[in-house]
Amino acid sequence: MTIVSEPVDVSTRNDAAPPLRDGVRRVADDVVALVQAFAKLKQQFMAAAAHDVEWSSRMVLRALDREGPLRAGALAERMEADPSTISRQVAALVRDGLVERRADPDDGRASLLVLTPKATEVLVEHEELRKQHFGRLVADWSDEELQTFADLLERFTHDFTAHRHEWIPTRTGTPSASTEGAD
């Protein structure tokens, strides 16, 4: 099946963007530059990582650390990832001794994914390195500048997350994330 992209007429949409304000382009450009810099850093970081844990697998570890023991399906849902992808990542983490499967007390046929002490050590080490690095980045910032930036970044991240599905335009005849499976 071929999907032909047609221009989206935002003037007819109820959620059309507000008029462009000064600074919006700068924020957009800076966010893109930051994402690109992060992608390059991620490649360098993973190449030099002391632990043989893939980037996406570390995201699985962090999700389990935040959420606690989960079934693989629930983990995939929370991470908005394909269950088969999570299954492969979990298998590697189990093999590496970072995650173990335990019987679900609510349903003995199912298993919960649980971090091992080794995984906790990996996460603690990564967190410490991250804090040290960011500490060096903002070492010459005043406490007020740091607090203002933290507050605005938190707000931006919240708003970005809340509106992230709007990045994919709805086209006539093409299901959108909000209408897919609605019937």
N, C-alpha and C. Protein backbone atom coordinates (compact mmCIF):
# COMPACT_ATOMS: atom_id res chain seq x y z
N MET A 1 0.84 -1.17 0.00
CA MET A 1 0.00 0.00 0.00
C MET A 1 0.89 1.24 0.00
N THR A 2 0.58 2.16 -0.87
CA THR A 2 1.33 3.41 -0.95
C THR A 2 0.49 4.52 -0.36
N ILE A 3 1.09 5.27 0.53
CA ILE A 3 0.41 6.42 1.11
C ILE A 3 0.99 7.66 0.46
N VAL A 4 0.12 8.44 -0.13
CA VAL A 4 0.54 9.67 -0.78
C VAL A 4 0.38 10.80 0.22
N SER A 5 1.45 11.51 0.44
CA SER A 5 1.39 12.65 1.36
C SER A 5 0.81 13.85 0.64
N GLU A 6 -0.18 14.42 1.26
CA GLU A 6 -0.77 15.64 0.73
C GLU A 6 -0.51 16.75 1.73
N PRO A 7 -0.39 17.99 1.24
CA PRO A 7 -0.20 19.10 2.17
C PRO A 7 -1.36 19.17 3.16
N VAL A 8 -1.04 19.49 4.38
CA VAL A 8 -2.05 19.62 5.42
C VAL A 8 -2.44 21.09 5.52
N ASP A 9 -3.73 21.37 5.38
CA ASP A 9 -4.23 22.73 5.48
C ASP A 9 -4.56 23.01 6.93
N VAL A 10 -3.62 23.64 7.64
CA VAL A 10 -3.81 23.90 9.06
C VAL A 10 -4.81 25.01 9.31
N SER A 11 -5.16 25.78 8.29
CA SER A 11 -6.11 26.88 8.50
C SER A 11 -7.51 26.36 8.82
N THR A 12 -7.82 25.12 8.44
CA THR A 12 -9.14 24.56 8.71
C THR A 12 -9.17 23.75 10.00
N ARG A 13 -8.05 23.56 10.62
CA ARG A 13 -8.01 22.78 11.85
C ARG A 13 -8.36 23.66 13.04
N ASN A 14 -9.07 23.09 13.99
CA ASN A 14 -9.44 23.82 15.21
C ASN A 14 -8.23 24.08 16.09
N ASP A 15 -7.21 23.23 15.95
CA ASP A 15 -6.05 23.34 16.83
C ASP A 15 -4.87 24.02 16.13
N ALA A 16 -5.17 24.90 15.17
CA ALA A 16 -4.11 25.58 14.43
C ALA A 16 -3.19 26.31 15.41
N ALA A 17 -1.93 26.35 15.06
CA ALA A 17 -0.92 26.96 15.93
C ALA A 17 -1.19 28.45 16.10
N PRO A 18 -0.86 28.97 17.27
CA PRO A 18 -0.99 30.41 17.48
C PRO A 18 0.04 31.15 16.62
N PRO A 19 -0.14 32.44 16.45
CA PRO A 19 0.83 33.21 15.65
C PRO A 19 2.25 33.04 16.20
N LEU A 20 3.22 33.00 15.31
CA LEU A 20 4.62 32.83 15.69
C LEU A 20 5.10 34.03 16.49
N ARG A 21 5.62 33.78 17.67
CA ARG A 21 6.14 34.83 18.54
C ARG A 21 7.65 34.88 18.44
N ASP A 22 8.21 36.03 18.82
CA ASP A 22 9.66 36.15 18.88
C ASP A 22 10.20 35.07 19.81
N GLY A 23 11.26 34.44 19.45
CA GLY A 23 11.89 33.44 20.29
C GLY A 23 11.48 32.02 19.98
N VAL A 24 10.31 31.82 19.34
CA VAL A 24 9.85 30.45 19.07
C VAL A 24 10.82 29.75 18.11
N ARG A 25 11.21 30.43 17.06
CA ARG A 25 12.15 29.83 16.10
C ARG A 25 13.47 29.50 16.79
N ARG A 26 13.93 30.40 17.65
CA ARG A 26 15.18 30.16 18.38
C ARG A 26 15.08 28.93 19.27
N VAL A 27 13.95 28.80 19.99
CA VAL A 27 13.75 27.62 20.84
C VAL A 27 13.73 26.37 19.97
N ALA A 28 12.97 26.42 18.86
CA ALA A 28 12.88 25.26 17.97
C ALA A 28 14.26 24.87 17.44
N ASP A 29 15.02 25.86 16.98
CA ASP A 29 16.36 25.58 16.45
C ASP A 29 17.28 25.03 17.53
N ASP A 30 17.20 25.60 18.73
CA ASP A 30 18.07 25.14 19.82
C ASP A 30 17.70 23.73 20.27
N VAL A 31 16.41 23.41 20.27
CA VAL A 31 16.01 22.05 20.64
C VAL A 31 16.51 21.06 19.59
N VAL A 32 16.38 21.39 18.32
CA VAL A 32 16.90 20.50 17.26
C VAL A 32 18.41 20.33 17.41
N ALA A 33 19.11 21.42 17.65
CA ALA A 33 20.57 21.34 17.84
C ALA A 33 20.92 20.47 19.05
N LEU A 34 20.14 20.60 20.12
CA LEU A 34 20.38 19.80 21.32
C LEU A 34 20.13 18.32 21.04
N VAL A 35 19.06 18.01 20.33
CA VAL A 35 18.76 16.61 19.99
C VAL A 35 19.88 16.02 19.14
N GLN A 36 20.37 16.79 18.17
CA GLN A 36 21.46 16.32 17.32
C GLN A 36 22.74 16.12 18.13
N ALA A 37 23.03 17.05 19.01
CA ALA A 37 24.22 16.91 19.87
C ALA A 37 24.07 15.70 20.78
N PHE A 38 22.87 15.49 21.29
CA PHE A 38 22.61 14.35 22.15
C PHE A 38 22.80 13.04 21.40
N ALA A 39 22.33 12.97 20.16
CA ALA A 39 22.49 11.75 19.36
C ALA A 39 23.98 11.42 19.15
N LYS A 40 24.78 12.44 18.87
CA LYS A 40 26.22 12.22 18.70
C LYS A 40 26.85 11.79 20.01
N LEU A 41 26.46 12.44 21.10
CA LEU A 41 26.99 12.09 22.41
C LEU A 41 26.61 10.66 22.78
N LYS A 42 25.37 10.29 22.47
CA LYS A 42 24.90 8.94 22.78
C LYS A 42 25.78 7.90 22.10
N GLN A 43 26.12 8.12 20.83
CA GLN A 43 26.99 7.19 20.11
C GLN A 43 28.36 7.11 20.78
N GLN A 44 28.92 8.25 21.14
CA GLN A 44 30.23 8.27 21.79
C GLN A 44 30.16 7.62 23.17
N PHE A 45 29.11 7.92 23.91
CA PHE A 45 28.96 7.38 25.25
C PHE A 45 28.86 5.86 25.23
N MET A 46 28.03 5.36 24.34
CA MET A 46 27.84 3.91 24.29
C MET A 46 29.12 3.21 23.84
N ALA A 47 29.89 3.83 22.96
CA ALA A 47 31.14 3.23 22.52
C ALA A 47 32.14 3.15 23.67
N ALA A 48 32.07 4.11 24.59
CA ALA A 48 33.03 4.17 25.69
C ALA A 48 32.47 3.62 27.00
N ALA A 49 31.23 3.12 26.97
CA ALA A 49 30.58 2.68 28.21
C ALA A 49 31.37 1.56 28.89
N ALA A 50 31.44 1.64 30.20
CA ALA A 50 32.14 0.63 30.97
C ALA A 50 31.35 -0.67 31.03
N HIS A 51 30.04 -0.59 30.87
CA HIS A 51 29.19 -1.77 30.92
C HIS A 51 28.66 -2.05 29.52
N ASP A 52 28.52 -3.30 29.18
CA ASP A 52 28.03 -3.67 27.87
C ASP A 52 26.50 -3.69 27.88
N VAL A 53 25.91 -2.52 28.05
CA VAL A 53 24.46 -2.40 28.08
C VAL A 53 24.06 -1.45 26.97
N GLU A 54 23.28 -1.95 26.01
CA GLU A 54 22.82 -1.12 24.91
C GLU A 54 22.00 0.04 25.45
N TRP A 55 21.96 1.14 24.69
CA TRP A 55 21.22 2.33 25.10
C TRP A 55 19.76 2.00 25.40
N SER A 56 19.11 1.32 24.48
CA SER A 56 17.70 1.00 24.68
C SER A 56 17.50 0.07 25.86
N SER A 57 18.45 -0.82 26.09
CA SER A 57 18.36 -1.72 27.24
C SER A 57 18.49 -0.94 28.54
N ARG A 58 19.31 0.11 28.53
CA ARG A 58 19.41 0.95 29.72
C ARG A 58 18.08 1.65 29.98
N MET A 59 17.37 1.98 28.90
CA MET A 59 16.06 2.60 29.07
C MET A 59 15.10 1.60 29.73
N VAL A 60 15.22 0.33 29.38
CA VAL A 60 14.41 -0.71 30.02
C VAL A 60 14.75 -0.78 31.50
N LEU A 61 16.03 -0.76 31.81
CA LEU A 61 16.45 -0.80 33.21
C LEU A 61 15.90 0.40 33.98
N ARG A 62 15.98 1.56 33.38
CA ARG A 62 15.47 2.77 34.05
C ARG A 62 13.96 2.69 34.26
N ALA A 63 13.25 2.16 33.26
CA ALA A 63 11.79 2.03 33.40
C ALA A 63 11.45 1.07 34.54
N LEU A 64 12.15 -0.05 34.63
CA LEU A 64 11.90 -1.00 35.72
C LEU A 64 12.29 -0.40 37.06
N ASP A 65 13.31 0.42 37.07
CA ASP A 65 13.73 1.08 38.31
C ASP A 65 12.64 2.05 38.77
N ARG A 66 12.07 2.81 37.83
CA ARG A 66 11.02 3.78 38.14
C ARG A 66 9.71 3.10 38.51
N GLU A 67 9.31 2.11 37.72
CA GLU A 67 7.98 1.51 37.84
C GLU A 67 7.93 0.33 38.80
N GLY A 68 9.07 -0.32 39.03
CA GLY A 68 9.06 -1.54 39.83
C GLY A 68 8.81 -2.74 38.93
N PRO A 69 8.66 -3.92 39.51
CA PRO A 69 8.45 -5.13 38.72
C PRO A 69 7.24 -5.01 37.81
N LEU A 70 7.40 -5.43 36.56
CA LEU A 70 6.34 -5.36 35.56
C LEU A 70 6.34 -6.60 34.70
N ARG A 71 5.20 -6.91 34.12
CA ARG A 71 5.13 -7.92 33.07
C ARG A 71 5.71 -7.29 31.81
N ALA A 72 6.20 -8.11 30.90
CA ALA A 72 6.81 -7.61 29.67
C ALA A 72 5.83 -6.76 28.87
N GLY A 73 4.58 -7.17 28.79
CA GLY A 73 3.57 -6.41 28.05
C GLY A 73 3.34 -5.03 28.64
N ALA A 74 3.28 -4.97 29.96
CA ALA A 74 3.09 -3.67 30.63
C ALA A 74 4.31 -2.78 30.43
N LEU A 75 5.49 -3.38 30.44
CA LEU A 75 6.72 -2.62 30.20
C LEU A 75 6.72 -2.05 28.79
N ALA A 76 6.36 -2.86 27.81
CA ALA A 76 6.29 -2.39 26.42
C ALA A 76 5.29 -1.24 26.29
N GLU A 77 4.15 -1.38 26.96
CA GLU A 77 3.14 -0.33 26.91
C GLU A 77 3.66 0.97 27.52
N ARG A 78 4.29 0.88 28.67
CA ARG A 78 4.80 2.09 29.33
C ARG A 78 5.90 2.76 28.53
N MET A 79 6.69 1.94 27.84
CA MET A 79 7.78 2.50 27.04
C MET A 79 7.34 2.85 25.62
N GLU A 80 6.06 2.57 25.33
CA GLU A 80 5.52 2.80 23.98
C GLU A 80 6.40 2.13 22.93
N ALA A 81 6.69 0.86 23.19
CA ALA A 81 7.56 0.09 22.31
C ALA A 81 6.86 -1.19 21.87
N ASP A 82 7.33 -1.75 20.80
CA ASP A 82 6.79 -3.01 20.30
C ASP A 82 7.13 -4.13 21.28
N PRO A 83 6.17 -4.98 21.64
CA PRO A 83 6.44 -6.07 22.58
C PRO A 83 7.58 -6.99 22.16
N SER A 84 7.72 -7.23 20.84
CA SER A 84 8.81 -8.11 20.40
C SER A 84 10.18 -7.46 20.63
N THR A 85 10.25 -6.14 20.49
CA THR A 85 11.50 -5.43 20.76
C THR A 85 11.85 -5.53 22.24
N ILE A 86 10.86 -5.30 23.09
CA ILE A 86 11.08 -5.39 24.54
C ILE A 86 11.48 -6.82 24.91
N SER A 87 10.86 -7.80 24.29
CA SER A 87 11.18 -9.19 24.57
C SER A 87 12.65 -9.50 24.29
N ARG A 88 13.15 -9.01 23.15
CA ARG A 88 14.57 -9.22 22.81
C ARG A 88 15.49 -8.51 23.80
N GLN A 89 15.13 -7.29 24.16
CA GLN A 89 15.96 -6.53 25.10
C GLN A 89 15.97 -7.21 26.47
N VAL A 90 14.81 -7.66 26.91
CA VAL A 90 14.71 -8.33 28.21
C VAL A 90 15.51 -9.62 28.19
N ALA A 91 15.43 -10.37 27.11
CA ALA A 91 16.19 -11.62 27.02
C ALA A 91 17.69 -11.35 27.19
N ALA A 92 18.18 -10.30 26.57
CA ALA A 92 19.60 -9.95 26.70
C ALA A 92 19.92 -9.52 28.13
N LEU A 93 19.02 -8.75 28.75
CA LEU A 93 19.24 -8.30 30.12
C LEU A 93 19.20 -9.47 31.11
N VAL A 94 18.35 -10.44 30.87
CA VAL A 94 18.31 -11.65 31.70
C VAL A 94 19.61 -12.42 31.53
N ARG A 95 20.03 -12.59 30.27
CA ARG A 95 21.29 -13.30 29.98
C ARG A 95 22.49 -12.63 30.66
N ASP A 96 22.46 -11.29 30.72
CA ASP A 96 23.57 -10.54 31.32
C ASP A 96 23.46 -10.40 32.83
N GLY A 97 22.41 -10.98 33.41
CA GLY A 97 22.26 -10.95 34.86
C GLY A 97 21.78 -9.62 35.41
N LEU A 98 21.12 -8.82 34.58
CA LEU A 98 20.63 -7.51 35.02
C LEU A 98 19.15 -7.52 35.37
N VAL A 99 18.43 -8.47 34.81
CA VAL A 99 16.99 -8.62 35.07
C VAL A 99 16.72 -10.09 35.29
N GLU A 100 15.79 -10.35 36.19
CA GLU A 100 15.36 -11.74 36.37
C GLU A 100 13.84 -11.80 36.28
N ARG A 101 13.37 -12.98 35.90
CA ARG A 101 11.93 -13.22 35.81
C ARG A 101 11.49 -13.90 37.09
N ARG A 102 10.41 -13.38 37.67
CA ARG A 102 9.84 -13.98 38.88
C ARG A 102 8.36 -14.22 38.64
N ALA A 103 7.83 -15.26 39.27
CA ALA A 103 6.41 -15.56 39.13
C ALA A 103 5.58 -14.39 39.63
N ASP A 104 4.55 -14.04 38.87
CA ASP A 104 3.62 -12.98 39.26
C ASP A 104 2.74 -13.54 40.37
N PRO A 105 2.73 -12.92 41.56
CA PRO A 105 1.92 -13.45 42.65
C PRO A 105 0.41 -13.43 42.34
N ASP A 106 -0.02 -12.57 41.40
CA ASP A 106 -1.43 -12.50 41.03
C ASP A 106 -1.80 -13.54 39.99
N ASP A 107 -0.82 -14.03 39.24
CA ASP A 107 -1.06 -15.02 38.20
C ASP A 107 0.23 -15.80 37.99
N GLY A 108 0.33 -16.96 38.61
CA GLY A 108 1.55 -17.77 38.57
C GLY A 108 1.98 -18.17 37.18
N ARG A 109 1.09 -18.08 36.19
CA ARG A 109 1.48 -18.42 34.81
C ARG A 109 2.30 -17.32 34.17
N ALA A 110 2.19 -16.11 34.69
CA ALA A 110 2.89 -14.96 34.13
C ALA A 110 4.13 -14.66 34.97
N SER A 111 5.05 -13.92 34.38
CA SER A 111 6.24 -13.54 35.15
C SER A 111 6.40 -12.03 35.17
N LEU A 112 7.02 -11.57 36.25
CA LEU A 112 7.35 -10.17 36.41
C LEU A 112 8.84 -10.00 36.14
N LEU A 113 9.19 -8.87 35.57
CA LEU A 113 10.59 -8.53 35.32
C LEU A 113 11.08 -7.71 36.50
N VAL A 114 12.19 -8.15 37.10
CA VAL A 114 12.71 -7.53 38.31
C VAL A 114 14.19 -7.23 38.12
N LEU A 115 14.61 -6.05 38.55
CA LEU A 115 16.03 -5.69 38.49
C LEU A 115 16.82 -6.53 39.48
N THR A 116 18.04 -6.88 39.09
CA THR A 116 18.95 -7.59 39.99
C THR A 116 19.83 -6.56 40.69
N PRO A 117 20.53 -6.96 41.74
CA PRO A 117 21.48 -6.04 42.38
C PRO A 117 22.53 -5.51 41.39
N LYS A 118 22.93 -6.34 40.43
CA LYS A 118 23.90 -5.91 39.42
C LYS A 118 23.33 -4.74 38.60
N ALA A 119 22.05 -4.81 38.25
CA ALA A 119 21.40 -3.73 37.50
C ALA A 119 21.34 -2.46 38.32
N THR A 120 21.05 -2.62 39.60
CA THR A 120 20.99 -1.46 40.48
C THR A 120 22.36 -0.77 40.54
N GLU A 121 23.42 -1.56 40.59
CA GLU A 121 24.78 -0.98 40.58
C GLU A 121 25.04 -0.22 39.29
N VAL A 122 24.64 -0.80 38.16
CA VAL A 122 24.83 -0.14 36.86
C VAL A 122 24.08 1.19 36.84
N LEU A 123 22.83 1.19 37.30
CA LEU A 123 22.04 2.41 37.31
C LEU A 123 22.61 3.47 38.24
N VAL A 124 23.07 3.06 39.40
CA VAL A 124 23.67 4.01 40.35
C VAL A 124 24.93 4.63 39.74
N GLU A 125 25.75 3.80 39.12
CA GLU A 125 26.97 4.31 38.49
C GLU A 125 26.65 5.30 37.37
N HIS A 126 25.69 4.95 36.52
CA HIS A 126 25.31 5.85 35.43
C HIS A 126 24.73 7.16 35.96
N GLU A 127 23.93 7.07 37.01
CA GLU A 127 23.33 8.28 37.60
C GLU A 127 24.41 9.19 38.18
N GLU A 128 25.38 8.62 38.83
CA GLU A 128 26.46 9.42 39.41
C GLU A 128 27.28 10.11 38.32
N LEU A 129 27.60 9.37 37.28
CA LEU A 129 28.33 9.96 36.16
C LEU A 129 27.53 11.09 35.50
N ARG A 130 26.23 10.87 35.36
CA ARG A 130 25.36 11.88 34.75
C ARG A 130 25.34 13.15 35.60
N LYS A 131 25.18 13.00 36.90
CA LYS A 131 25.17 14.17 37.80
C LYS A 131 26.50 14.92 37.74
N GLN A 132 27.60 14.20 37.75
CA GLN A 132 28.91 14.85 37.68
C GLN A 132 29.06 15.63 36.38
N HIS A 133 28.66 15.02 35.28
CA HIS A 133 28.78 15.68 33.98
C HIS A 133 27.95 16.96 33.94
N PHE A 134 26.69 16.87 34.33
CA PHE A 134 25.84 18.06 34.31
C PHE A 134 26.33 19.10 35.30
N GLY A 135 26.88 18.66 36.41
CA GLY A 135 27.46 19.60 37.37
C GLY A 135 28.58 20.42 36.75
N ARG A 136 29.41 19.75 35.93
CA ARG A 136 30.49 20.47 35.23
C ARG A 136 29.92 21.44 34.19
N LEU A 137 28.85 21.04 33.51
CA LEU A 137 28.26 21.89 32.47
C LEU A 137 27.75 23.22 33.03
N VAL A 138 27.20 23.19 34.23
CA VAL A 138 26.57 24.39 34.79
C VAL A 138 27.36 24.94 35.98
N ALA A 139 28.61 24.57 36.07
CA ALA A 139 29.43 24.97 37.23
C ALA A 139 29.51 26.48 37.40
N ASP A 140 29.51 27.23 36.30
CA ASP A 140 29.63 28.69 36.42
C ASP A 140 28.28 29.40 36.39
N TRP A 141 27.18 28.67 36.49
CA TRP A 141 25.85 29.28 36.55
C TRP A 141 25.55 29.65 37.99
N SER A 142 24.85 30.74 38.16
CA SER A 142 24.42 31.11 39.52
C SER A 142 23.30 30.16 39.94
N ASP A 143 23.05 30.11 41.24
CA ASP A 143 21.95 29.28 41.74
C ASP A 143 20.62 29.73 41.14
N GLU A 144 20.45 31.04 40.98
CA GLU A 144 19.22 31.57 40.40
C GLU A 144 19.07 31.15 38.94
N GLU A 145 20.15 31.25 38.16
CA GLU A 145 20.10 30.82 36.76
C GLU A 145 19.77 29.33 36.66
N LEU A 146 20.40 28.56 37.49
CA LEU A 146 20.17 27.12 37.48
C LEU A 146 18.72 26.79 37.83
N GLN A 147 18.18 27.44 38.85
CA GLN A 147 16.79 27.20 39.25
C GLN A 147 15.82 27.63 38.16
N THR A 148 16.05 28.79 37.55
CA THR A 148 15.19 29.28 36.48
C THR A 148 15.21 28.31 35.30
N PHE A 149 16.41 27.89 34.90
CA PHE A 149 16.53 26.95 33.79
C PHE A 149 15.83 25.63 34.11
N ALA A 150 16.04 25.11 35.31
CA ALA A 150 15.41 23.85 35.72
C ALA A 150 13.88 23.97 35.67
N ASP A 151 13.35 25.08 36.17
CA ASP A 151 11.90 25.28 36.16
C ASP A 151 11.36 25.35 34.73
N LEU A 152 12.03 26.13 33.88
CA LEU A 152 11.57 26.27 32.49
C LEU A 152 11.75 24.97 31.71
N LEU A 153 12.84 24.26 31.93
CA LEU A 153 13.05 22.99 31.24
C LEU A 153 12.01 21.97 31.66
N GLU A 154 11.67 21.93 32.93
CA GLU A 154 10.63 21.02 33.41
C GLU A 154 9.30 21.36 32.73
N ARG A 155 8.97 22.63 32.67
CA ARG A 155 7.72 23.05 32.04
C ARG A 155 7.73 22.70 30.55
N PHE A 156 8.84 22.98 29.86
CA PHE A 156 8.96 22.67 28.44
C PHE A 156 8.81 21.18 28.20
N THR A 157 9.48 20.37 29.01
CA THR A 157 9.42 18.91 28.85
C THR A 157 8.00 18.42 29.06
N HIS A 158 7.32 18.94 30.07
CA HIS A 158 5.93 18.56 30.31
C HIS A 158 5.05 18.90 29.11
N ASP A 159 5.17 20.14 28.62
CA ASP A 159 4.37 20.57 27.48
C ASP A 159 4.71 19.79 26.22
N PHE A 160 5.99 19.54 25.99
CA PHE A 160 6.43 18.77 24.83
C PHE A 160 5.81 17.37 24.88
N THR A 161 5.87 16.74 26.04
CA THR A 161 5.31 15.40 26.20
C THR A 161 3.81 15.40 26.00
N ALA A 162 3.14 16.40 26.53
CA ALA A 162 1.69 16.48 26.40
C ALA A 162 1.24 16.69 24.96
N HIS A 163 2.06 17.31 24.14
CA HIS A 163 1.68 17.63 22.76
C HIS A 163 2.45 16.84 21.71
N ARG A 164 3.21 15.84 22.11
CA ARG A 164 4.09 15.15 21.16
C ARG A 164 3.33 14.46 20.04
N HIS A 165 2.10 14.03 20.27
CA HIS A 165 1.34 13.34 19.23
C HIS A 165 0.88 14.30 18.14
N GLU A 166 0.92 15.58 18.40
CA GLU A 166 0.52 16.57 17.41
C GLU A 166 1.57 16.74 16.31
N TRP A 167 2.74 16.16 16.48
CA TRP A 167 3.80 16.27 15.47
C TRP A 167 3.44 15.51 14.21
N ILE A 168 2.59 14.51 14.35
CA ILE A 168 2.22 13.70 13.20
C ILE A 168 0.88 14.22 12.70
N PRO A 169 0.88 14.88 11.54
CA PRO A 169 -0.36 15.49 11.05
C PRO A 169 -1.38 14.43 10.66
N THR A 170 -2.65 14.76 10.83
CA THR A 170 -3.74 13.90 10.40
C THR A 170 -4.07 14.26 8.97
N ARG A 171 -4.08 13.26 8.10
CA ARG A 171 -4.41 13.48 6.70
C ARG A 171 -5.74 12.81 6.40
N THR A 172 -6.46 13.34 5.46
CA THR A 172 -7.74 12.77 5.07
C THR A 172 -7.54 11.32 4.63
N GLY A 173 -8.35 10.43 5.22
CA GLY A 173 -8.27 9.02 4.85
C GLY A 173 -7.18 8.24 5.56
N THR A 174 -6.40 8.90 6.40
CA THR A 174 -5.32 8.23 7.13
C THR A 174 -5.65 8.29 8.60
N PRO A 175 -5.68 7.13 9.28
CA PRO A 175 -5.99 7.16 10.72
C PRO A 175 -4.92 7.91 11.49
N SER A 176 -5.35 8.65 12.49
CA SER A 176 -4.41 9.35 13.37
C SER A 176 -4.30 8.55 14.66
N ALA A 177 -3.33 8.89 15.47
CA ALA A 177 -3.15 8.20 16.75
C ALA A 177 -4.39 8.33 17.61
N SER A 178 -5.11 9.45 17.50
CA SER A 178 -6.26 9.66 18.37
C SER A 178 -7.52 8.97 17.86
N THR A 179 -7.59 8.62 16.54
CA THR A 179 -8.78 7.98 16.01
C THR A 179 -8.57 6.51 15.72
N GLU A 180 -7.36 6.05 15.70
CA GLU A 180 -7.07 4.66 15.38
C GLU A 180 -7.71 3.76 16.42
N GLY A 181 -8.46 2.78 15.95
CA GLY A 181 -9.07 1.83 16.85
C GLY A 181 -10.25 2.40 17.64
N ALA A 182 -10.81 3.52 17.20
CA ALA A 182 -11.89 4.17 17.93
C ALA A 182 -13.23 3.48 17.74
N ASP A 183 -13.38 2.66 16.67
CA ASP A 183 -14.69 2.05 16.46
C ASP A 183 -14.79 0.78 17.16
